[in-house]
Protein backbone atom coordinates (compact mmCIF):
# COMPACT_ATOMS: atom_id res chain seq x y z
CA UNK A 1 101.10 -3.48 -12.85
CA UNK A 2 99.61 0.66 -12.79
CA UNK A 3 100.02 2.35 -15.87
CA UNK A 4 100.62 -0.95 -17.78
CA UNK A 5 99.11 -1.57 -20.82
CA UNK A 6 98.81 -4.60 -22.87
CA UNK A 7 98.15 -5.25 -27.01
CA UNK A 8 96.22 -8.41 -28.17
CA UNK A 9 95.73 -9.23 -31.60
CA UNK A 10 95.91 -6.68 -34.62
CA UNK A 11 95.10 -2.85 -34.34
CA UNK A 12 93.08 -0.90 -35.79
CA UNK A 13 93.56 1.31 -38.57
CA UNK A 14 93.78 5.12 -37.16
CA UNK A 15 93.49 6.18 -41.06
CA UNK A 16 90.53 4.28 -41.93
CA UNK A 17 86.74 5.62 -42.93
CA UNK A 18 85.70 5.33 -39.09
CA UNK A 19 86.28 3.37 -36.10
CA UNK A 20 84.29 1.06 -33.52
CA UNK A 21 85.57 0.44 -30.29
CA UNK A 22 84.24 -1.06 -27.14
CA UNK A 23 85.35 0.56 -24.01
CA UNK A 24 84.75 -2.91 -21.74
CA UNK A 25 84.78 -4.29 -18.19
CA UNK A 26 83.91 -4.82 -14.90
CA UNK A 27 81.34 -2.78 -13.31
CA UNK A 28 82.94 0.18 -11.80
CA UNK A 29 86.13 0.14 -13.95
CA UNK A 30 84.98 3.65 -15.64
CA UNK A 31 83.51 2.45 -18.93
CA UNK A 32 81.78 5.78 -19.70
CA UNK A 33 84.40 7.95 -18.46
CA UNK A 34 86.82 6.52 -20.28
CA UNK A 35 84.33 5.78 -23.53
CA UNK A 36 83.44 9.82 -23.53
CA UNK A 37 87.10 10.24 -23.14
CA UNK A 38 88.08 8.49 -26.27
CA UNK A 39 85.19 9.44 -28.41
CA UNK A 40 85.69 13.53 -27.22
CA UNK A 41 89.49 12.81 -28.51
CA UNK A 42 88.54 10.85 -31.70
CA UNK A 43 86.00 12.80 -32.84
CA UNK A 44 83.82 10.12 -32.70
CA UNK A 45 79.80 9.84 -31.14
CA UNK A 46 79.55 8.38 -27.77
CA UNK A 47 76.46 5.97 -26.61
CA UNK A 48 76.99 4.24 -23.23
CA UNK A 49 75.66 0.51 -23.42
CA UNK A 50 73.50 0.81 -20.50
CA UNK A 51 71.24 2.96 -21.87
CA UNK A 52 70.35 -0.26 -24.51
CA UNK A 53 69.77 -2.36 -21.52
CA UNK A 54 65.45 -2.96 -21.36
CA UNK A 55 64.14 -2.25 -18.62
CA UNK A 56 63.73 -6.06 -17.35
CA UNK A 57 67.47 -6.16 -17.19
CA UNK A 58 67.84 -2.94 -15.21
CA UNK A 59 65.56 -4.14 -12.56
CA UNK A 60 67.15 -7.60 -12.19
CA UNK A 61 70.59 -6.01 -12.23
CA UNK A 62 69.07 -3.68 -9.38
CA UNK A 63 67.60 -6.24 -7.59
CA UNK A 64 70.94 -7.85 -7.01
CA UNK A 65 70.59 -10.31 -9.29
CA UNK A 66 73.21 -11.32 -12.50
CA UNK A 67 72.06 -11.22 -15.54
CA UNK A 68 72.70 -14.63 -17.73
CA UNK A 69 73.60 -14.92 -20.97
CA UNK A 70 69.83 -15.13 -22.26
CA UNK A 71 69.27 -11.79 -20.41
CA UNK A 72 72.37 -10.06 -22.04
CA UNK A 73 72.01 -11.69 -25.92
CA UNK A 74 69.34 -9.23 -27.20
CA UNK A 75 71.34 -6.02 -25.76
CA UNK A 76 74.68 -7.54 -27.00
CA UNK A 77 72.56 -7.94 -30.41
CA UNK A 78 71.58 -4.36 -30.24
CA UNK A 79 75.06 -3.18 -29.67
CA UNK A 80 76.70 -4.61 -32.53
CA UNK A 81 73.72 -3.10 -35.07
CA UNK A 82 74.52 0.05 -33.20
CA UNK A 83 77.86 -0.65 -35.08
CA UNK A 84 76.28 -1.82 -38.49
CA UNK A 85 73.98 0.92 -38.40
CA UNK A 86 77.27 3.94 -37.96
CA UNK A 87 78.61 5.63 -40.34
CA UNK A 88 81.28 7.49 -38.57
CA UNK A 89 83.21 6.72 -35.80
CA UNK A 90 81.61 4.93 -32.64
CA UNK A 91 82.34 4.28 -29.18
CA UNK A 92 80.70 2.61 -26.93
CA UNK A 93 80.90 1.33 -23.43
CA UNK A 94 79.82 -1.94 -22.70
CA UNK A 95 80.81 -4.84 -19.92
CA UNK A 96 81.68 -7.30 -23.22
CA UNK A 97 82.63 -9.81 -20.18
CA UNK A 98 82.88 -12.57 -22.09
CA UNK A 99 84.52 -13.71 -25.41
CA UNK A 100 81.02 -15.33 -26.81
CA UNK A 101 79.93 -11.74 -26.00
CA UNK A 102 82.08 -9.78 -28.06
CA UNK A 103 81.26 -12.35 -31.00
CA UNK A 104 77.83 -11.24 -30.30
CA UNK A 105 79.07 -7.53 -30.94
CA UNK A 106 81.36 -8.32 -33.51
CA UNK A 107 78.76 -9.94 -35.97
CA UNK A 108 77.41 -6.06 -36.40
CA UNK A 109 81.19 -5.38 -37.61
CA UNK A 110 84.29 -7.71 -37.32
CA UNK A 111 87.09 -4.88 -36.72
CA UNK A 112 86.02 -3.56 -33.57
CA UNK A 113 88.07 -2.82 -31.04
CA UNK A 114 88.39 -3.68 -27.39
CA UNK A 115 89.28 -1.41 -24.62
CA UNK A 116 89.56 -3.61 -21.77
CA UNK A 117 89.61 -1.27 -18.45
CA UNK A 118 91.64 -3.88 -15.89
CA UNK A 119 92.18 -2.34 -12.43
CA UNK A 120 92.08 -4.36 -8.98
CA UNK A 121 89.03 -5.56 -7.38
CA UNK A 122 89.70 -3.22 -4.14
CA UNK A 123 90.14 -0.64 -6.42
CA UNK A 124 86.55 -1.47 -8.60
CA UNK A 125 84.88 -1.47 -5.01
CA UNK A 126 85.61 1.51 -4.05
CA UNK A 127 84.26 3.56 -7.39
CA UNK A 128 81.11 1.49 -7.07
CA UNK A 129 80.52 2.42 -3.47
CA UNK A 130 81.07 5.89 -5.04
CA UNK A 131 78.13 5.45 -7.44
CA UNK A 132 75.09 6.45 -5.58
CA UNK A 133 71.82 5.97 -7.41
CA UNK A 134 73.25 3.33 -10.09
CA UNK A 135 70.93 0.32 -10.58
CA UNK A 136 74.60 -1.99 -10.48
CA UNK A 137 74.94 -2.86 -6.74
CA UNK A 138 78.44 -3.63 -5.48
CA UNK A 139 76.91 -7.22 -4.60
CA UNK A 140 77.42 -7.97 -8.10
CA UNK A 141 81.14 -7.04 -8.65
CA UNK A 142 82.12 -10.22 -7.60
CA UNK A 143 79.88 -12.11 -10.16
CA UNK A 144 80.97 -10.19 -12.82
CA UNK A 145 84.68 -10.76 -12.34
CA UNK A 146 83.98 -14.56 -11.96
CA UNK A 147 82.70 -14.43 -15.40
CA UNK A 148 85.16 -11.97 -16.87
CA UNK A 149 87.13 -13.86 -19.82
CA UNK A 150 90.30 -11.15 -21.13
CA UNK A 151 90.87 -10.55 -24.70
CA UNK A 152 92.19 -13.05 -26.42
CA UNK A 153 95.49 -12.93 -28.56
CA UNK A 154 93.22 -13.19 -31.54
CA UNK A 155 90.67 -10.23 -30.82
CA UNK A 156 91.99 -6.57 -31.66
CA UNK A 157 92.54 -4.83 -28.59
CA UNK A 158 94.08 -3.14 -25.56
CA UNK A 159 94.16 -3.58 -21.82
CA UNK A 160 94.60 -1.03 -19.90
CA UNK A 161 95.27 -0.90 -15.18
CA UNK A 162 92.98 1.64 -14.52
CA UNK A 163 94.74 2.72 -11.71
CA UNK A 164 95.93 5.81 -13.57
CA UNK A 165 94.29 8.62 -14.86
CA UNK A 166 91.78 9.00 -17.60
CA UNK A 167 93.76 11.30 -19.89
CA UNK A 168 97.04 8.89 -20.00
CA UNK A 169 94.41 5.86 -20.50
CA UNK A 170 93.01 8.06 -23.51
CA UNK A 171 96.41 8.24 -24.74
CA UNK A 172 97.64 4.75 -24.50
CA UNK A 173 94.41 3.86 -26.49
CA UNK A 174 94.54 6.65 -28.77
CA UNK A 175 97.95 5.32 -29.30
CA UNK A 176 97.08 1.58 -29.42
CA UNK A 177 94.33 2.78 -32.53
CA UNK A 178 97.14 4.63 -34.13
CA UNK A 179 99.45 1.53 -34.08
CA UNK A 180 102.04 2.90 -31.95
CA UNK A 181 103.79 0.63 -29.30
CA UNK A 182 103.36 1.91 -25.77
């Protein structure tokens, strides 16, 4: 439902020395926009995980070919390493579609909090069509939706519906990080 947020796992303490957050979901869900806004609100660094893809992955996706697990593994490991190397709050936008992908990221920091941006296929399609020049074609949306494994109960995170303003999404994420109930 629009505006709904579901908590999974255990909340990350907002009072800790640093927070490591992955804003996840399929293409077109707003990972970069929301990730940057969450980082700004928290006074954290933001990194778009797409910038860490090797050129071969970008070329493959741009040609309309979905990445496989072998293609993604080094990229996901690099995202985990970025958390390991960070001495401060860090928000990374990354699809993190499967539990195994999130597990690779957690090897860098087991306390990573995942923000799963969820939306209808129609809304995602509309958003993807509105991003001219992005390397990810709309034709790969269905493969991403088929690959997506929602957060599981033992994964620290929150699922947030994207059919609301970025400000409301960020409010929900910050509330979840603070351990408040939405």
